Amino acid sequence: NLSEDDINTFLLFVNNKDIEIPLTQQNVL
């Protein structure tokens, strides 16, 4: 179940090396 939040978090991780993202049991997969 891929959500908009998952994709935005993914792009935040890829495009911003200095920003930490939260990993949770909901978004880790």
mmCIF file of all heavy atoms, coordinates in Angstrom:
data_MODEL
# 
_entry.id   MODEL 
# 
loop_
_atom_site.group_PDB 
_atom_site.id 
_atom_site.type_symbol 
_atom_site.label_atom_id 
_atom_site.label_alt_id 
_atom_site.label_comp_id 
_atom_site.label_asym_id 
_atom_site.label_entity_id 
_atom_site.label_seq_id 
_atom_site.pdbx_PDB_ins_code 
_atom_site.Cartn_x 
_atom_site.Cartn_y 
_atom_site.Cartn_z 
_atom_site.occupancy 
_atom_site.B_iso_or_equiv 
_atom_site.pdbx_formal_charge 
_atom_site.auth_seq_id 
_atom_site.auth_comp_id 
_atom_site.auth_asym_id 
_atom_site.auth_atom_id 
_atom_site.pdbx_PDB_model_num 
ATOM 1   N N   . ASN A 1 1  ? 0.847  -1.188 0.000  1.00 0.00 ? 1  ASN A N   1 
ATOM 2   C CA  . ASN A 1 1  ? 0.000  0.000  0.000  1.00 0.00 ? 1  ASN A CA  1 
ATOM 3   C C   . ASN A 1 1  ? 0.888  1.244  0.000  1.00 0.00 ? 1  ASN A C   1 
ATOM 4   O O   . ASN A 1 1  ? 1.310  1.731  1.048  1.00 0.00 ? 1  ASN A O   1 
ATOM 5   C CB  . ASN A 1 1  ? -0.923 -0.015 1.227  1.00 0.00 ? 1  ASN A CB  1 
ATOM 6   C CG  . ASN A 1 1  ? -1.886 1.153  1.225  1.00 0.00 ? 1  ASN A CG  1 
ATOM 7   O OD1 . ASN A 1 1  ? -2.171 1.733  0.164  1.00 0.00 ? 1  ASN A OD1 1 
ATOM 8   N ND2 . ASN A 1 1  ? -2.374 1.516  2.388  1.00 0.00 ? 1  ASN A ND2 1 
ATOM 9   N N   . LEU A 1 2  ? 1.169  1.733  -1.191 1.00 0.00 ? 2  LEU A N   1 
ATOM 10  C CA  . LEU A 1 2  ? 2.060  2.889  -1.348 1.00 0.00 ? 2  LEU A CA  1 
ATOM 11  C C   . LEU A 1 2  ? 1.238  4.171  -1.301 1.00 0.00 ? 2  LEU A C   1 
ATOM 12  O O   . LEU A 1 2  ? 0.344  4.381  -2.116 1.00 0.00 ? 2  LEU A O   1 
ATOM 13  C CB  . LEU A 1 2  ? 2.784  2.765  -2.685 1.00 0.00 ? 2  LEU A CB  1 
ATOM 14  C CG  . LEU A 1 2  ? 4.044  3.606  -2.911 1.00 0.00 ? 2  LEU A CG  1 
ATOM 15  C CD1 . LEU A 1 2  ? 5.099  3.279  -1.873 1.00 0.00 ? 2  LEU A CD1 1 
ATOM 16  C CD2 . LEU A 1 2  ? 4.579  3.350  -4.314 1.00 0.00 ? 2  LEU A CD2 1 
ATOM 17  N N   . SER A 1 3  ? 1.541  5.033  -0.326 1.00 0.00 ? 3  SER A N   1 
ATOM 18  C CA  . SER A 1 3  ? 0.758  6.261  -0.137 1.00 0.00 ? 3  SER A CA  1 
ATOM 19  C C   . SER A 1 3  ? 1.533  7.480  -0.636 1.00 0.00 ? 3  SER A C   1 
ATOM 20  O O   . SER A 1 3  ? 2.740  7.420  -0.889 1.00 0.00 ? 3  SER A O   1 
ATOM 21  C CB  . SER A 1 3  ? 0.417  6.436  1.339  1.00 0.00 ? 3  SER A CB  1 
ATOM 22  O OG  . SER A 1 3  ? 1.580  6.757  2.085  1.00 0.00 ? 3  SER A OG  1 
ATOM 23  N N   . GLU A 1 4  ? 0.831  8.603  -0.724 1.00 0.00 ? 4  GLU A N   1 
ATOM 24  C CA  . GLU A 1 4  ? 1.489  9.867  -1.086 1.00 0.00 ? 4  GLU A CA  1 
ATOM 25  C C   . GLU A 1 4  ? 2.557  10.231 -0.062 1.00 0.00 ? 4  GLU A C   1 
ATOM 26  O O   . GLU A 1 4  ? 3.641  10.708 -0.423 1.00 0.00 ? 4  GLU A O   1 
ATOM 27  C CB  . GLU A 1 4  ? 0.449  10.993 -1.174 1.00 0.00 ? 4  GLU A CB  1 
ATOM 28  C CG  . GLU A 1 4  ? -0.473 10.907 -2.362 1.00 0.00 ? 4  GLU A CG  1 
ATOM 29  C CD  . GLU A 1 4  ? -1.401 12.111 -2.441 1.00 0.00 ? 4  GLU A CD  1 
ATOM 30  O OE1 . GLU A 1 4  ? -0.880 13.241 -2.445 1.00 0.00 ? 4  GLU A OE1 1 
ATOM 31  O OE2 . GLU A 1 4  ? -2.634 11.918 -2.483 1.00 0.00 ? 4  GLU A OE2 1 
ATOM 32  N N   . ASP A 1 5  ? 2.243  10.015 1.209  1.00 0.00 ? 5  ASP A N   1 
ATOM 33  C CA  . ASP A 1 5  ? 3.221  10.317 2.258  1.00 0.00 ? 5  ASP A CA  1 
ATOM 34  C C   . ASP A 1 5  ? 4.486  9.488  2.090  1.00 0.00 ? 5  ASP A C   1 
ATOM 35  O O   . ASP A 1 5  ? 5.601  9.988  2.312  1.00 0.00 ? 5  ASP A O   1 
ATOM 36  C CB  . ASP A 1 5  ? 2.620  10.047 3.642  1.00 0.00 ? 5  ASP A CB  1 
ATOM 37  C CG  . ASP A 1 5  ? 1.649  11.135 4.067  1.00 0.00 ? 5  ASP A CG  1 
ATOM 38  O OD1 . ASP A 1 5  ? 1.670  12.220 3.457  1.00 0.00 ? 5  ASP A OD1 1 
ATOM 39  O OD2 . ASP A 1 5  ? 0.865  10.897 5.008  1.00 0.00 ? 5  ASP A OD2 1 
ATOM 40  N N   . ASP A 1 6  ? 4.330  8.219  1.707  1.00 0.00 ? 6  ASP A N   1 
ATOM 41  C CA  . ASP A 1 6  ? 5.494  7.351  1.502  1.00 0.00 ? 6  ASP A CA  1 
ATOM 42  C C   . ASP A 1 6  ? 6.382  7.900  0.384  1.00 0.00 ? 6  ASP A C   1 
ATOM 43  O O   . ASP A 1 6  ? 7.613  7.940  0.517  1.00 0.00 ? 6  ASP A O   1 
ATOM 44  C CB  . ASP A 1 6  ? 5.051  5.932  1.140  1.00 0.00 ? 6  ASP A CB  1 
ATOM 45  C CG  . ASP A 1 6  ? 4.304  5.241  2.263  1.00 0.00 ? 6  ASP A CG  1 
ATOM 46  O OD1 . ASP A 1 6  ? 4.585  5.552  3.433  1.00 0.00 ? 6  ASP A OD1 1 
ATOM 47  O OD2 . ASP A 1 6  ? 3.435  4.396  1.964  1.00 0.00 ? 6  ASP A OD2 1 
ATOM 48  N N   . ILE A 1 7  ? 5.764  8.319  -0.713 1.00 0.00 ? 7  ILE A N   1 
ATOM 49  C CA  . ILE A 1 7  ? 6.539  8.822  -1.851 1.00 0.00 ? 7  ILE A CA  1 
ATOM 50  C C   . ILE A 1 7  ? 7.209  10.151 -1.505 1.00 0.00 ? 7  ILE A C   1 
ATOM 51  O O   . ILE A 1 7  ? 8.375  10.386 -1.847 1.00 0.00 ? 7  ILE A O   1 
ATOM 52  C CB  . ILE A 1 7  ? 5.637  8.972  -3.095 1.00 0.00 ? 7  ILE A CB  1 
ATOM 53  C CG1 . ILE A 1 7  ? 5.094  7.600  -3.502 1.00 0.00 ? 7  ILE A CG1 1 
ATOM 54  C CG2 . ILE A 1 7  ? 6.408  9.603  -4.255 1.00 0.00 ? 7  ILE A CG2 1 
ATOM 55  C CD1 . ILE A 1 7  ? 4.031  7.645  -4.574 1.00 0.00 ? 7  ILE A CD1 1 
ATOM 56  N N   . ASN A 1 8  ? 6.497  11.023 -0.797 1.00 0.00 ? 8  ASN A N   1 
ATOM 57  C CA  . ASN A 1 8  ? 7.095  12.299 -0.383 1.00 0.00 ? 8  ASN A CA  1 
ATOM 58  C C   . ASN A 1 8  ? 8.260  12.070 0.581  1.00 0.00 ? 8  ASN A C   1 
ATOM 59  O O   . ASN A 1 8  ? 9.296  12.754 0.492  1.00 0.00 ? 8  ASN A O   1 
ATOM 60  C CB  . ASN A 1 8  ? 6.033  13.186 0.267  1.00 0.00 ? 8  ASN A CB  1 
ATOM 61  C CG  . ASN A 1 8  ? 5.093  13.810 -0.754 1.00 0.00 ? 8  ASN A CG  1 
ATOM 62  O OD1 . ASN A 1 8  ? 5.510  14.160 -1.856 1.00 0.00 ? 8  ASN A OD1 1 
ATOM 63  N ND2 . ASN A 1 8  ? 3.823  13.944 -0.408 1.00 0.00 ? 8  ASN A ND2 1 
ATOM 64  N N   . THR A 1 9  ? 8.110  11.121 1.501  1.00 0.00 ? 9  THR A N   1 
ATOM 65  C CA  . THR A 1 9  ? 9.195  10.789 2.427  1.00 0.00 ? 9  THR A CA  1 
ATOM 66  C C   . THR A 1 9  ? 10.384 10.223 1.675  1.00 0.00 ? 9  THR A C   1 
ATOM 67  O O   . THR A 1 9  ? 11.544 10.556 1.958  1.00 0.00 ? 9  THR A O   1 
ATOM 68  C CB  . THR A 1 9  ? 8.710  9.770  3.481  1.00 0.00 ? 9  THR A CB  1 
ATOM 69  O OG1 . THR A 1 9  ? 7.602  10.319 4.194  1.00 0.00 ? 9  THR A OG1 1 
ATOM 70  C CG2 . THR A 1 9  ? 9.815  9.440  4.473  1.00 0.00 ? 9  THR A CG2 1 
ATOM 71  N N   . PHE A 1 10 ? 10.097 9.379  0.715  1.00 0.00 ? 10 PHE A N   1 
ATOM 72  C CA  . PHE A 1 10 ? 11.139 8.788  -0.134 1.00 0.00 ? 10 PHE A CA  1 
ATOM 73  C C   . PHE A 1 10 ? 11.931 9.878  -0.857 1.00 0.00 ? 10 PHE A C   1 
ATOM 74  O O   . PHE A 1 10 ? 13.173 9.875  -0.849 1.00 0.00 ? 10 PHE A O   1 
ATOM 75  C CB  . PHE A 1 10 ? 10.474 7.837  -1.132 1.00 0.00 ? 10 PHE A CB  1 
ATOM 76  C CG  . PHE A 1 10 ? 11.362 7.366  -2.235 1.00 0.00 ? 10 PHE A CG  1 
ATOM 77  C CD1 . PHE A 1 10 ? 12.431 6.523  -1.982 1.00 0.00 ? 10 PHE A CD1 1 
ATOM 78  C CD2 . PHE A 1 10 ? 11.113 7.755  -3.552 1.00 0.00 ? 10 PHE A CD2 1 
ATOM 79  C CE1 . PHE A 1 10 ? 13.250 6.072  -3.018 1.00 0.00 ? 10 PHE A CE1 1 
ATOM 80  C CE2 . PHE A 1 10 ? 11.920 7.314  -4.589 1.00 0.00 ? 10 PHE A CE2 1 
ATOM 81  C CZ  . PHE A 1 10 ? 12.991 6.467  -4.315 1.00 0.00 ? 10 PHE A CZ  1 
ATOM 82  N N   . LEU A 1 11 ? 11.234 10.827 -1.468 1.00 0.00 ? 11 LEU A N   1 
ATOM 83  C CA  . LEU A 1 11 ? 11.913 11.897 -2.209 1.00 0.00 ? 11 LEU A CA  1 
ATOM 84  C C   . LEU A 1 11 ? 12.670 12.829 -1.268 1.00 0.00 ? 11 LEU A C   1 
ATOM 85  O O   . LEU A 1 11 ? 13.726 13.361 -1.615 1.00 0.00 ? 11 LEU A O   1 
ATOM 86  C CB  . LEU A 1 11 ? 10.900 12.685 -3.042 1.00 0.00 ? 11 LEU A CB  1 
ATOM 87  C CG  . LEU A 1 11 ? 10.357 11.946 -4.274 1.00 0.00 ? 11 LEU A CG  1 
ATOM 88  C CD1 . LEU A 1 11 ? 9.271  12.765 -4.957 1.00 0.00 ? 11 LEU A CD1 1 
ATOM 89  C CD2 . LEU A 1 11 ? 11.482 11.635 -5.256 1.00 0.00 ? 11 LEU A CD2 1 
ATOM 90  N N   . LEU A 1 12 ? 12.136 13.019 -0.074 1.00 0.00 ? 12 LEU A N   1 
ATOM 91  C CA  . LEU A 1 12 ? 12.827 13.835 0.923  1.00 0.00 ? 12 LEU A CA  1 
ATOM 92  C C   . LEU A 1 12 ? 14.167 13.195 1.283  1.00 0.00 ? 12 LEU A C   1 
ATOM 93  O O   . LEU A 1 12 ? 15.190 13.878 1.405  1.00 0.00 ? 12 LEU A O   1 
ATOM 94  C CB  . LEU A 1 12 ? 11.955 13.976 2.174  1.00 0.00 ? 12 LEU A CB  1 
ATOM 95  C CG  . LEU A 1 12 ? 12.377 15.019 3.203  1.00 0.00 ? 12 LEU A CG  1 
ATOM 96  C CD1 . LEU A 1 12 ? 12.313 16.420 2.615  1.00 0.00 ? 12 LEU A CD1 1 
ATOM 97  C CD2 . LEU A 1 12 ? 11.480 14.944 4.437  1.00 0.00 ? 12 LEU A CD2 1 
ATOM 98  N N   . PHE A 1 13 ? 14.176 11.880 1.413  1.00 0.00 ? 13 PHE A N   1 
ATOM 99  C CA  . PHE A 1 13 ? 15.411 11.155 1.727  1.00 0.00 ? 13 PHE A CA  1 
ATOM 100 C C   . PHE A 1 13 ? 16.409 11.257 0.582  1.00 0.00 ? 13 PHE A C   1 
ATOM 101 O O   . PHE A 1 13 ? 17.600 11.521 0.781  1.00 0.00 ? 13 PHE A O   1 
ATOM 102 C CB  . PHE A 1 13 ? 15.087 9.683  2.003  1.00 0.00 ? 13 PHE A CB  1 
ATOM 103 C CG  . PHE A 1 13 ? 16.297 8.830  2.275  1.00 0.00 ? 13 PHE A CG  1 
ATOM 104 C CD1 . PHE A 1 13 ? 16.819 8.733  3.553  1.00 0.00 ? 13 PHE A CD1 1 
ATOM 105 C CD2 . PHE A 1 13 ? 16.914 8.125  1.246  1.00 0.00 ? 13 PHE A CD2 1 
ATOM 106 C CE1 . PHE A 1 13 ? 17.940 7.945  3.806  1.00 0.00 ? 13 PHE A CE1 1 
ATOM 107 C CE2 . PHE A 1 13 ? 18.033 7.343  1.487  1.00 0.00 ? 13 PHE A CE2 1 
ATOM 108 C CZ  . PHE A 1 13 ? 18.546 7.247  2.770  1.00 0.00 ? 13 PHE A CZ  1 
ATOM 109 N N   . VAL A 1 14 ? 15.929 11.071 -0.651 1.00 0.00 ? 14 VAL A N   1 
ATOM 110 C CA  . VAL A 1 14 ? 16.819 11.028 -1.813 1.00 0.00 ? 14 VAL A CA  1 
ATOM 111 C C   . VAL A 1 14 ? 17.359 12.413 -2.167 1.00 0.00 ? 14 VAL A C   1 
ATOM 112 O O   . VAL A 1 14 ? 18.531 12.568 -2.514 1.00 0.00 ? 14 VAL A O   1 
ATOM 113 C CB  . VAL A 1 14 ? 16.088 10.423 -3.030 1.00 0.00 ? 14 VAL A CB  1 
ATOM 114 C CG1 . VAL A 1 14 ? 16.947 10.526 -4.284 1.00 0.00 ? 14 VAL A CG1 1 
ATOM 115 C CG2 . VAL A 1 14 ? 15.726 8.968  -2.764 1.00 0.00 ? 14 VAL A CG2 1 
ATOM 116 N N   . ASN A 1 15 ? 16.527 13.436 -2.070 1.00 0.00 ? 15 ASN A N   1 
ATOM 117 C CA  . ASN A 1 15 ? 16.904 14.772 -2.547 1.00 0.00 ? 15 ASN A CA  1 
ATOM 118 C C   . ASN A 1 15 ? 17.560 15.642 -1.488 1.00 0.00 ? 15 ASN A C   1 
ATOM 119 O O   . ASN A 1 15 ? 18.066 16.708 -1.806 1.00 0.00 ? 15 ASN A O   1 
ATOM 120 C CB  . ASN A 1 15 ? 15.682 15.514 -3.089 1.00 0.00 ? 15 ASN A CB  1 
ATOM 121 C CG  . ASN A 1 15 ? 15.334 15.085 -4.507 1.00 0.00 ? 15 ASN A CG  1 
ATOM 122 O OD1 . ASN A 1 15 ? 16.157 14.542 -5.215 1.00 0.00 ? 15 ASN A OD1 1 
ATOM 123 N ND2 . ASN A 1 15 ? 14.104 15.320 -4.916 1.00 0.00 ? 15 ASN A ND2 1 
ATOM 124 N N   . ASN A 1 16 ? 17.537 15.212 -0.234 1.00 0.00 ? 16 ASN A N   1 
ATOM 125 C CA  . ASN A 1 16 ? 18.075 16.059 0.847  1.00 0.00 ? 16 ASN A CA  1 
ATOM 126 C C   . ASN A 1 16 ? 18.933 15.216 1.777  1.00 0.00 ? 16 ASN A C   1 
ATOM 127 O O   . ASN A 1 16 ? 18.426 14.611 2.727  1.00 0.00 ? 16 ASN A O   1 
ATOM 128 C CB  . ASN A 1 16 ? 16.938 16.715 1.641  1.00 0.00 ? 16 ASN A CB  1 
ATOM 129 C CG  . ASN A 1 16 ? 16.059 17.596 0.776  1.00 0.00 ? 16 ASN A CG  1 
ATOM 130 O OD1 . ASN A 1 16 ? 16.330 18.761 0.566  1.00 0.00 ? 16 ASN A OD1 1 
ATOM 131 N ND2 . ASN A 1 16 ? 14.976 17.016 0.266  1.00 0.00 ? 16 ASN A ND2 1 
ATOM 132 N N   . LYS A 1 17 ? 20.235 15.182 1.515  1.00 0.00 ? 17 LYS A N   1 
ATOM 133 C CA  . LYS A 1 17 ? 21.117 14.314 2.283  1.00 0.00 ? 17 LYS A CA  1 
ATOM 134 C C   . LYS A 1 17 ? 21.258 14.740 3.747  1.00 0.00 ? 17 LYS A C   1 
ATOM 135 O O   . LYS A 1 17 ? 21.650 13.936 4.580  1.00 0.00 ? 17 LYS A O   1 
ATOM 136 C CB  . LYS A 1 17 ? 22.490 14.241 1.628  1.00 0.00 ? 17 LYS A CB  1 
ATOM 137 C CG  . LYS A 1 17 ? 23.298 15.521 1.664  1.00 0.00 ? 17 LYS A CG  1 
ATOM 138 C CD  . LYS A 1 17 ? 24.624 15.350 0.959  1.00 0.00 ? 17 LYS A CD  1 
ATOM 139 C CE  . LYS A 1 17 ? 25.465 16.614 1.011  1.00 0.00 ? 17 LYS A CE  1 
ATOM 140 N NZ  . LYS A 1 17 ? 25.863 16.973 2.374  1.00 0.00 ? 17 LYS A NZ  1 
ATOM 141 N N   . ASP A 1 18 ? 20.935 15.994 4.063  1.00 0.00 ? 18 ASP A N   1 
ATOM 142 C CA  . ASP A 1 18 ? 21.114 16.480 5.426  1.00 0.00 ? 18 ASP A CA  1 
ATOM 143 C C   . ASP A 1 18 ? 19.842 16.390 6.268  1.00 0.00 ? 18 ASP A C   1 
ATOM 144 O O   . ASP A 1 18 ? 19.832 16.794 7.429  1.00 0.00 ? 18 ASP A O   1 
ATOM 145 C CB  . ASP A 1 18 ? 21.597 17.940 5.411  1.00 0.00 ? 18 ASP A CB  1 
ATOM 146 C CG  . ASP A 1 18 ? 22.978 18.065 4.794  1.00 0.00 ? 18 ASP A CG  1 
ATOM 147 O OD1 . ASP A 1 18 ? 23.792 17.144 4.990  1.00 0.00 ? 18 ASP A OD1 1 
ATOM 148 O OD2 . ASP A 1 18 ? 23.235 19.067 4.108  1.00 0.00 ? 18 ASP A OD2 1 
ATOM 149 N N   . ILE A 1 19 ? 18.765 15.866 5.678  1.00 0.00 ? 19 ILE A N   1 
ATOM 150 C CA  . ILE A 1 19 ? 17.495 15.796 6.406  1.00 0.00 ? 19 ILE A CA  1 
ATOM 151 C C   . ILE A 1 19 ? 17.220 14.356 6.815  1.00 0.00 ? 19 ILE A C   1 
ATOM 152 O O   . ILE A 1 19 ? 17.315 13.429 6.001  1.00 0.00 ? 19 ILE A O   1 
ATOM 153 C CB  . ILE A 1 19 ? 16.337 16.331 5.537  1.00 0.00 ? 19 ILE A CB  1 
ATOM 154 C CG1 . ILE A 1 19 ? 16.532 17.833 5.291  1.00 0.00 ? 19 ILE A CG1 1 
ATOM 155 C CG2 . ILE A 1 19 ? 14.995 16.069 6.196  1.00 0.00 ? 19 ILE A CG2 1 
ATOM 156 C CD1 . ILE A 1 19 ? 15.449 18.465 4.445  1.00 0.00 ? 19 ILE A CD1 1 
ATOM 157 N N   . GLU A 1 20 ? 16.889 14.155 8.098  1.00 0.00 ? 20 GLU A N   1 
ATOM 158 C CA  . GLU A 1 20 ? 16.534 12.822 8.574  1.00 0.00 ? 20 GLU A CA  1 
ATOM 159 C C   . GLU A 1 20 ? 15.046 12.567 8.343  1.00 0.00 ? 20 GLU A C   1 
ATOM 160 O O   . GLU A 1 20 ? 14.229 13.478 8.475  1.00 0.00 ? 20 GLU A O   1 
ATOM 161 C CB  . GLU A 1 20 ? 16.854 12.686 10.058 1.00 0.00 ? 20 GLU A CB  1 
ATOM 162 C CG  . GLU A 1 20 ? 18.345 12.732 10.363 1.00 0.00 ? 20 GLU A CG  1 
ATOM 163 C CD  . GLU A 1 20 ? 18.624 12.533 11.843 1.00 0.00 ? 20 GLU A CD  1 
ATOM 164 O OE1 . GLU A 1 20 ? 17.747 12.877 12.660 1.00 0.00 ? 20 GLU A OE1 1 
ATOM 165 O OE2 . GLU A 1 20 ? 19.711 12.027 12.178 1.00 0.00 ? 20 GLU A OE2 1 
ATOM 166 N N   . ILE A 1 21 ? 14.709 11.335 7.994  1.00 0.00 ? 21 ILE A N   1 
ATOM 167 C CA  . ILE A 1 21 ? 13.303 10.965 7.815  1.00 0.00 ? 21 ILE A CA  1 
ATOM 168 C C   . ILE A 1 21 ? 12.932 9.930  8.868  1.00 0.00 ? 21 ILE A C   1 
ATOM 169 O O   . ILE A 1 21 ? 13.794 9.170  9.330  1.00 0.00 ? 21 ILE A O   1 
ATOM 170 C CB  . ILE A 1 21 ? 13.027 10.408 6.401  1.00 0.00 ? 21 ILE A CB  1 
ATOM 171 C CG1 . ILE A 1 21 ? 13.803 9.103  6.176  1.00 0.00 ? 21 ILE A CG1 1 
ATOM 172 C CG2 . ILE A 1 21 ? 13.377 11.434 5.330  1.00 0.00 ? 21 ILE A CG2 1 
ATOM 173 C CD1 . ILE A 1 21 ? 13.332 8.302  4.995  1.00 0.00 ? 21 ILE A CD1 1 
ATOM 174 N N   . PRO A 1 22 ? 11.657 9.876  9.255  1.00 0.00 ? 22 PRO A N   1 
ATOM 175 C CA  . PRO A 1 22 ? 11.245 8.869  10.241 1.00 0.00 ? 22 PRO A CA  1 
ATOM 176 C C   . PRO A 1 22 ? 10.968 7.521  9.570  1.00 0.00 ? 22 PRO A C   1 
ATOM 177 O O   . PRO A 1 22 ? 10.300 7.459  8.544  1.00 0.00 ? 22 PRO A O   1 
ATOM 178 C CB  . PRO A 1 22 ? 9.949  9.457  10.814 1.00 0.00 ? 22 PRO A CB  1 
ATOM 179 C CG  . PRO A 1 22 ? 9.384  10.269 9.677  1.00 0.00 ? 22 PRO A CG  1 
ATOM 180 C CD  . PRO A 1 22 ? 10.567 10.803 8.909  1.00 0.00 ? 22 PRO A CD  1 
ATOM 181 N N   . LEU A 1 23 ? 11.505 6.457  10.142 1.00 0.00 ? 23 LEU A N   1 
ATOM 182 C CA  . LEU A 1 23 ? 11.141 5.103  9.719  1.00 0.00 ? 23 LEU A CA  1 
ATOM 183 C C   . LEU A 1 23 ? 10.165 4.544  10.740 1.00 0.00 ? 23 LEU A C   1 
ATOM 184 O O   . LEU A 1 23 ? 10.410 4.614  11.949 1.00 0.00 ? 23 LEU A O   1 
ATOM 185 C CB  . LEU A 1 23 ? 12.376 4.201  9.649  1.00 0.00 ? 23 LEU A CB  1 
ATOM 186 C CG  . LEU A 1 23 ? 13.180 4.170  8.356  1.00 0.00 ? 23 LEU A CG  1 
ATOM 187 C CD1 . LEU A 1 23 ? 14.312 3.161  8.469  1.00 0.00 ? 23 LEU A CD1 1 
ATOM 188 C CD2 . LEU A 1 23 ? 12.304 3.850  7.163  1.00 0.00 ? 23 LEU A CD2 1 
ATOM 189 N N   . THR A 1 24 ? 9.068  3.988  10.264 1.00 0.00 ? 24 THR A N   1 
ATOM 190 C CA  . THR A 1 24 ? 8.054  3.408  11.149 1.00 0.00 ? 24 THR A CA  1 
ATOM 191 C C   . THR A 1 24 ? 7.641  2.048  10.600 1.00 0.00 ? 24 THR A C   1 
ATOM 192 O O   . THR A 1 24 ? 7.984  1.689  9.461  1.00 0.00 ? 24 THR A O   1 
ATOM 193 C CB  . THR A 1 24 ? 6.801  4.303  11.224 1.00 0.00 ? 24 THR A CB  1 
ATOM 194 O OG1 . THR A 1 24 ? 6.130  4.282  9.936  1.00 0.00 ? 24 THR A OG1 1 
ATOM 195 C CG2 . THR A 1 24 ? 7.165  5.751  11.560 1.00 0.00 ? 24 THR A CG2 1 
ATOM 196 N N   . GLN A 1 25 ? 6.884  1.307  11.392 1.00 0.00 ? 25 GLN A N   1 
ATOM 197 C CA  . GLN A 1 25 ? 6.402  0.008  10.915 1.00 0.00 ? 25 GLN A CA  1 
ATOM 198 C C   . GLN A 1 25 ? 5.382  0.180  9.797  1.00 0.00 ? 25 GLN A C   1 
ATOM 199 O O   . GLN A 1 25 ? 5.094  -0.759 9.061  1.00 0.00 ? 25 GLN A O   1 
ATOM 200 C CB  . GLN A 1 25 ? 5.821  -0.801 12.073 1.00 0.00 ? 25 GLN A CB  1 
ATOM 201 C CG  . GLN A 1 25 ? 6.874  -1.191 13.093 1.00 0.00 ? 25 GLN A CG  1 
ATOM 202 C CD  . GLN A 1 25 ? 6.472  -2.375 13.952 1.00 0.00 ? 25 GLN A CD  1 
ATOM 203 O OE1 . GLN A 1 25 ? 5.659  -3.193 13.557 1.00 0.00 ? 25 GLN A OE1 1 
ATOM 204 N NE2 . GLN A 1 25 ? 7.044  -2.454 15.136 1.00 0.00 ? 25 GLN A NE2 1 
ATOM 205 N N   . GLN A 1 26 ? 4.846  1.388  9.658  1.00 0.00 ? 26 GLN A N   1 
ATOM 206 C CA  . GLN A 1 26 ? 3.880  1.659  8.591  1.00 0.00 ? 26 GLN A CA  1 
ATOM 207 C C   . GLN A 1 26 ? 4.569  1.969  7.259  1.00 0.00 ? 26 GLN A C   1 
ATOM 208 O O   . GLN A 1 26 ? 4.073  1.602  6.197  1.00 0.00 ? 26 GLN A O   1 
ATOM 209 C CB  . GLN A 1 26 ? 2.955  2.826  8.971  1.00 0.00 ? 26 GLN A CB  1 
ATOM 210 C CG  . GLN A 1 26 ? 1.909  2.495  10.019 1.00 0.00 ? 26 GLN A CG  1 
ATOM 211 C CD  . GLN A 1 26 ? 2.512  2.254  11.391 1.00 0.00 ? 26 GLN A CD  1 
ATOM 212 O OE1 . GLN A 1 26 ? 3.387  3.002  11.831 1.00 0.00 ? 26 GLN A OE1 1 
ATOM 213 N NE2 . GLN A 1 26 ? 2.068  1.209  12.065 1.00 0.00 ? 26 GLN A NE2 1 
ATOM 214 N N   . ASN A 1 27 ? 5.717  2.655  7.315  1.00 0.00 ? 27 ASN A N   1 
ATOM 215 C CA  . ASN A 1 27 ? 6.323  3.074  6.045  1.00 0.00 ? 27 ASN A CA  1 
ATOM 216 C C   . ASN A 1 27 ? 7.586  2.315  5.652  1.00 0.00 ? 27 ASN A C   1 
ATOM 217 O O   . ASN A 1 27 ? 8.108  2.496  4.560  1.00 0.00 ? 27 ASN A O   1 
ATOM 218 C CB  . ASN A 1 27 ? 6.612  4.591  6.060  1.00 0.00 ? 27 ASN A CB  1 
ATOM 219 C CG  . ASN A 1 27 ? 7.778  4.971  6.966  1.00 0.00 ? 27 ASN A CG  1 
ATOM 220 O OD1 . ASN A 1 27 ? 8.524  4.144  7.457  1.00 0.00 ? 27 ASN A OD1 1 
ATOM 221 N ND2 . ASN A 1 27 ? 7.937  6.261  7.207  1.00 0.00 ? 27 ASN A ND2 1 
ATOM 222 N N   . VAL A 1 28 ? 8.096  1.449  6.539  1.00 0.00 ? 28 VAL A N   1 
ATOM 223 C CA  . VAL A 1 28 ? 9.382  0.807  6.244  1.00 0.00 ? 28 VAL A CA  1 
ATOM 224 C C   . VAL A 1 28 ? 9.297  -0.117 5.033  1.00 0.00 ? 28 VAL A C   1 
ATOM 225 O O   . VAL A 1 28 ? 10.229 -0.158 4.213  1.00 0.00 ? 28 VAL A O   1 
ATOM 226 C CB  . VAL A 1 28 ? 9.928  0.050  7.482  1.00 0.00 ? 28 VAL A CB  1 
ATOM 227 C CG1 . VAL A 1 28 ? 9.058  -1.152 7.842  1.00 0.00 ? 28 VAL A CG1 1 
ATOM 228 C CG2 . VAL A 1 28 ? 11.374 -0.384 7.245  1.00 0.00 ? 28 VAL A CG2 1 
ATOM 229 N N   . LEU A 1 29 ? 8.195  -0.826 4.875  1.00 0.00 ? 29 LEU A N   1 
ATOM 230 C CA  . LEU A 1 29 ? 8.084  -1.727 3.728  1.00 0.00 ? 29 LEU A CA  1 
ATOM 231 C C   . LEU A 1 29 ? 7.932  -0.959 2.410  1.00 0.00 ? 29 LEU A C   1 
ATOM 232 O O   . LEU A 1 29 ? 8.615  -1.285 1.425  1.00 0.00 ? 29 LEU A O   1 
ATOM 233 C CB  . LEU A 1 29 ? 6.940  -2.715 3.927  1.00 0.00 ? 29 LEU A CB  1 
ATOM 234 C CG  . LEU A 1 29 ? 6.872  -3.860 2.910  1.00 0.00 ? 29 LEU A CG  1 
ATOM 235 C CD1 . LEU A 1 29 ? 8.164  -4.667 2.906  1.00 0.00 ? 29 LEU A CD1 1 
ATOM 236 C CD2 . LEU A 1 29 ? 5.688  -4.769 3.200  1.00 0.00 ? 29 LEU A CD2 1 
# 
